[in-house]
Amino acid sequence: MEREEREERREAFVRLGRKLARLRESRGWEIYDLASRARVGYQQVYRIERGDFATAPAFDVLVKIGAALGLSPNDLAEEVGLWKDEGQGGVLSAFFAALEEYVTSQPEGRRAELLQFLTCWLRVERERAQTLAS
């Protein structure tokens, strides 16, 4: 990724962090409240809201925080411009919207299993992408 594109992506994550902070504050929640609801460390929430990170935050962490605030993974991906580089944004957006619809239609136990699988899958794919970029 070129320097300009990296900076553009970083700015998108900073904007997303500000949006997450506004949503949290509109609910009257402290950072600790959101972290507890999202089941992530409060430091992660703090860094994301402040745009304080050397690399983009893990998408699975953003998904958990977004879900606690009522945002879908698709909403988050669009907010940070994840579809922008693909040229097939409508296809990916539709795919994730369908995936979200399927997961949320499942019974709670099955939903938890699917979300755990997707979280692991995202982590593996992120590591693979980092390896390929090196």
Protein backbone atom coordinates (compact mmCIF):
# COMPACT_ATOMS: atom_id res chain seq x y z
CA MET A 1 0.00 0.00 0.00
CA GLU A 2 1.40 3.38 -0.92
CA ARG A 3 2.09 5.99 1.73
CA GLU A 4 -0.82 8.19 0.65
CA GLU A 5 -3.23 5.25 0.79
CA ARG A 6 -1.96 4.25 4.25
CA GLU A 7 -2.50 7.78 5.50
CA GLU A 8 -5.98 7.88 3.99
CA ARG A 9 -6.86 4.56 5.68
CA ARG A 10 -5.43 5.80 8.99
CA GLU A 11 -7.57 8.95 8.77
CA ALA A 12 -10.62 6.77 8.12
CA PHE A 13 -9.88 4.79 11.30
CA VAL A 14 -9.47 8.05 13.23
CA ARG A 15 -12.89 9.20 11.98
CA LEU A 16 -14.36 5.84 12.93
CA GLY A 17 -12.87 6.14 16.43
CA ARG A 18 -14.47 9.56 16.84
CA LYS A 19 -17.80 8.18 15.66
CA LEU A 20 -17.59 5.29 18.11
CA ALA A 21 -16.79 7.75 20.92
CA ARG A 22 -19.82 9.90 19.99
CA LEU A 23 -22.09 6.84 19.95
CA ARG A 24 -20.74 5.69 23.32
CA GLU A 25 -21.18 9.13 24.86
CA SER A 26 -24.72 9.48 23.44
CA ARG A 27 -25.64 6.39 25.46
CA GLY A 28 -24.11 7.87 28.60
CA TRP A 29 -21.49 5.13 28.74
CA GLU A 30 -17.94 5.44 29.98
CA ILE A 31 -15.11 3.69 28.12
CA TYR A 32 -15.22 0.94 30.74
CA ASP A 33 -18.94 0.39 30.06
CA LEU A 34 -18.39 -0.04 26.33
CA ALA A 35 -15.37 -2.28 26.87
CA SER A 36 -17.37 -4.48 29.20
CA ARG A 37 -20.31 -4.73 26.80
CA ALA A 38 -17.97 -5.47 23.86
CA ARG A 39 -15.81 -7.84 25.93
CA VAL A 40 -12.58 -6.11 24.97
CA GLY A 41 -9.99 -4.31 27.05
CA TYR A 42 -10.76 -0.72 27.95
CA GLN A 43 -7.32 0.25 26.62
CA GLN A 44 -8.34 -1.02 23.18
CA VAL A 45 -11.47 1.14 23.23
CA TYR A 46 -9.46 4.14 24.44
CA ARG A 47 -6.82 3.77 21.71
CA ILE A 48 -9.39 3.27 18.95
CA GLU A 49 -11.45 6.28 20.04
CA ARG A 50 -8.34 8.46 20.19
CA GLY A 51 -6.81 7.15 16.96
CA ASP A 52 -3.79 6.10 19.02
CA PHE A 53 -2.36 3.11 17.17
CA ALA A 54 0.68 2.33 15.05
CA THR A 55 -1.32 0.06 12.72
CA ALA A 56 -5.00 -0.31 12.02
CA PRO A 57 -6.90 -1.91 14.90
CA ALA A 58 -7.89 -5.55 14.52
CA PHE A 59 -11.19 -5.76 12.67
CA ASP A 60 -12.52 -8.39 15.10
CA VAL A 61 -12.08 -5.89 17.96
CA LEU A 62 -13.86 -3.21 15.92
CA VAL A 63 -16.67 -5.68 15.21
CA LYS A 64 -17.15 -6.35 18.93
CA ILE A 65 -17.15 -2.65 19.78
CA GLY A 66 -19.46 -1.86 16.87
CA ALA A 67 -21.87 -4.63 17.84
CA ALA A 68 -22.06 -3.28 21.39
CA LEU A 69 -23.06 0.08 19.85
CA GLY A 70 -25.50 -1.44 17.35
CA LEU A 71 -23.27 -1.18 14.26
CA SER A 72 -22.92 -4.09 11.86
CA PRO A 73 -19.56 -5.26 10.48
CA ASN A 74 -20.73 -3.91 7.13
CA ASP A 75 -21.34 -0.46 8.66
CA LEU A 76 -17.81 -0.49 10.09
CA ALA A 77 -16.23 -1.65 6.83
CA GLU A 78 -17.99 1.08 4.88
CA GLU A 79 -17.04 3.68 7.49
CA VAL A 80 -13.31 2.94 7.13
CA GLY A 81 -13.46 2.58 3.35
CA LEU A 82 -12.73 -1.13 3.30
CA TRP A 83 -14.74 -1.55 0.11
CA LYS A 84 -13.08 1.39 -1.64
CA ASP A 85 -10.03 -0.49 -2.90
CA GLU A 86 -12.00 -3.48 -4.13
CA GLY A 87 -13.82 -2.00 -7.08
CA GLN A 88 -16.52 -4.59 -6.33
CA GLY A 89 -17.81 -2.79 -3.25
CA GLY A 90 -21.41 -3.64 -3.94
CA VAL A 91 -20.62 -7.36 -4.10
CA LEU A 92 -18.66 -7.38 -0.84
CA SER A 93 -21.18 -5.17 0.88
CA ALA A 94 -24.01 -7.48 -0.20
CA PHE A 95 -22.04 -10.52 0.95
CA PHE A 96 -21.48 -9.10 4.44
CA ALA A 97 -25.07 -7.90 4.69
CA ALA A 98 -26.26 -11.42 3.84
CA LEU A 99 -23.79 -12.95 6.31
CA GLU A 100 -24.97 -10.59 9.04
CA GLU A 101 -28.60 -11.45 8.31
CA TYR A 102 -27.84 -15.17 8.47
CA VAL A 103 -25.85 -14.97 11.72
CA THR A 104 -28.42 -12.81 13.49
CA SER A 105 -31.24 -15.16 12.47
CA GLN A 106 -29.61 -18.09 14.28
CA PRO A 107 -30.42 -19.22 17.82
CA GLU A 108 -28.16 -17.64 20.47
CA GLY A 109 -25.89 -20.71 20.95
CA ARG A 110 -25.38 -21.19 17.23
CA ARG A 111 -24.84 -17.46 16.76
CA ALA A 112 -22.07 -17.50 19.36
CA GLU A 113 -20.38 -20.43 17.58
CA LEU A 114 -20.58 -18.67 14.21
CA LEU A 115 -19.21 -15.42 15.62
CA GLN A 116 -16.34 -17.28 17.29
CA PHE A 117 -15.54 -19.00 13.99
CA LEU A 118 -15.69 -15.73 12.04
CA THR A 119 -13.47 -14.01 14.61
CA CYS A 120 -10.87 -16.75 14.30
CA TRP A 121 -11.13 -16.71 10.52
CA LEU A 122 -10.62 -12.95 10.40
CA ARG A 123 -7.57 -13.25 12.65
CA VAL A 124 -6.03 -15.93 10.43
CA GLU A 125 -6.74 -13.92 7.28
CA ARG A 126 -5.23 -10.78 8.81
CA GLU A 127 -2.07 -12.71 9.76
CA ARG A 128 -1.89 -14.20 6.26
CA ALA A 129 -2.24 -10.79 4.67
CA GLN A 130 0.49 -9.38 6.92
CA THR A 131 2.78 -12.25 5.96
CA LEU A 132 2.15 -11.66 2.27
CA ALA A 133 2.78 -7.93 2.68
CA SER A 134 6.15 -8.55 4.32
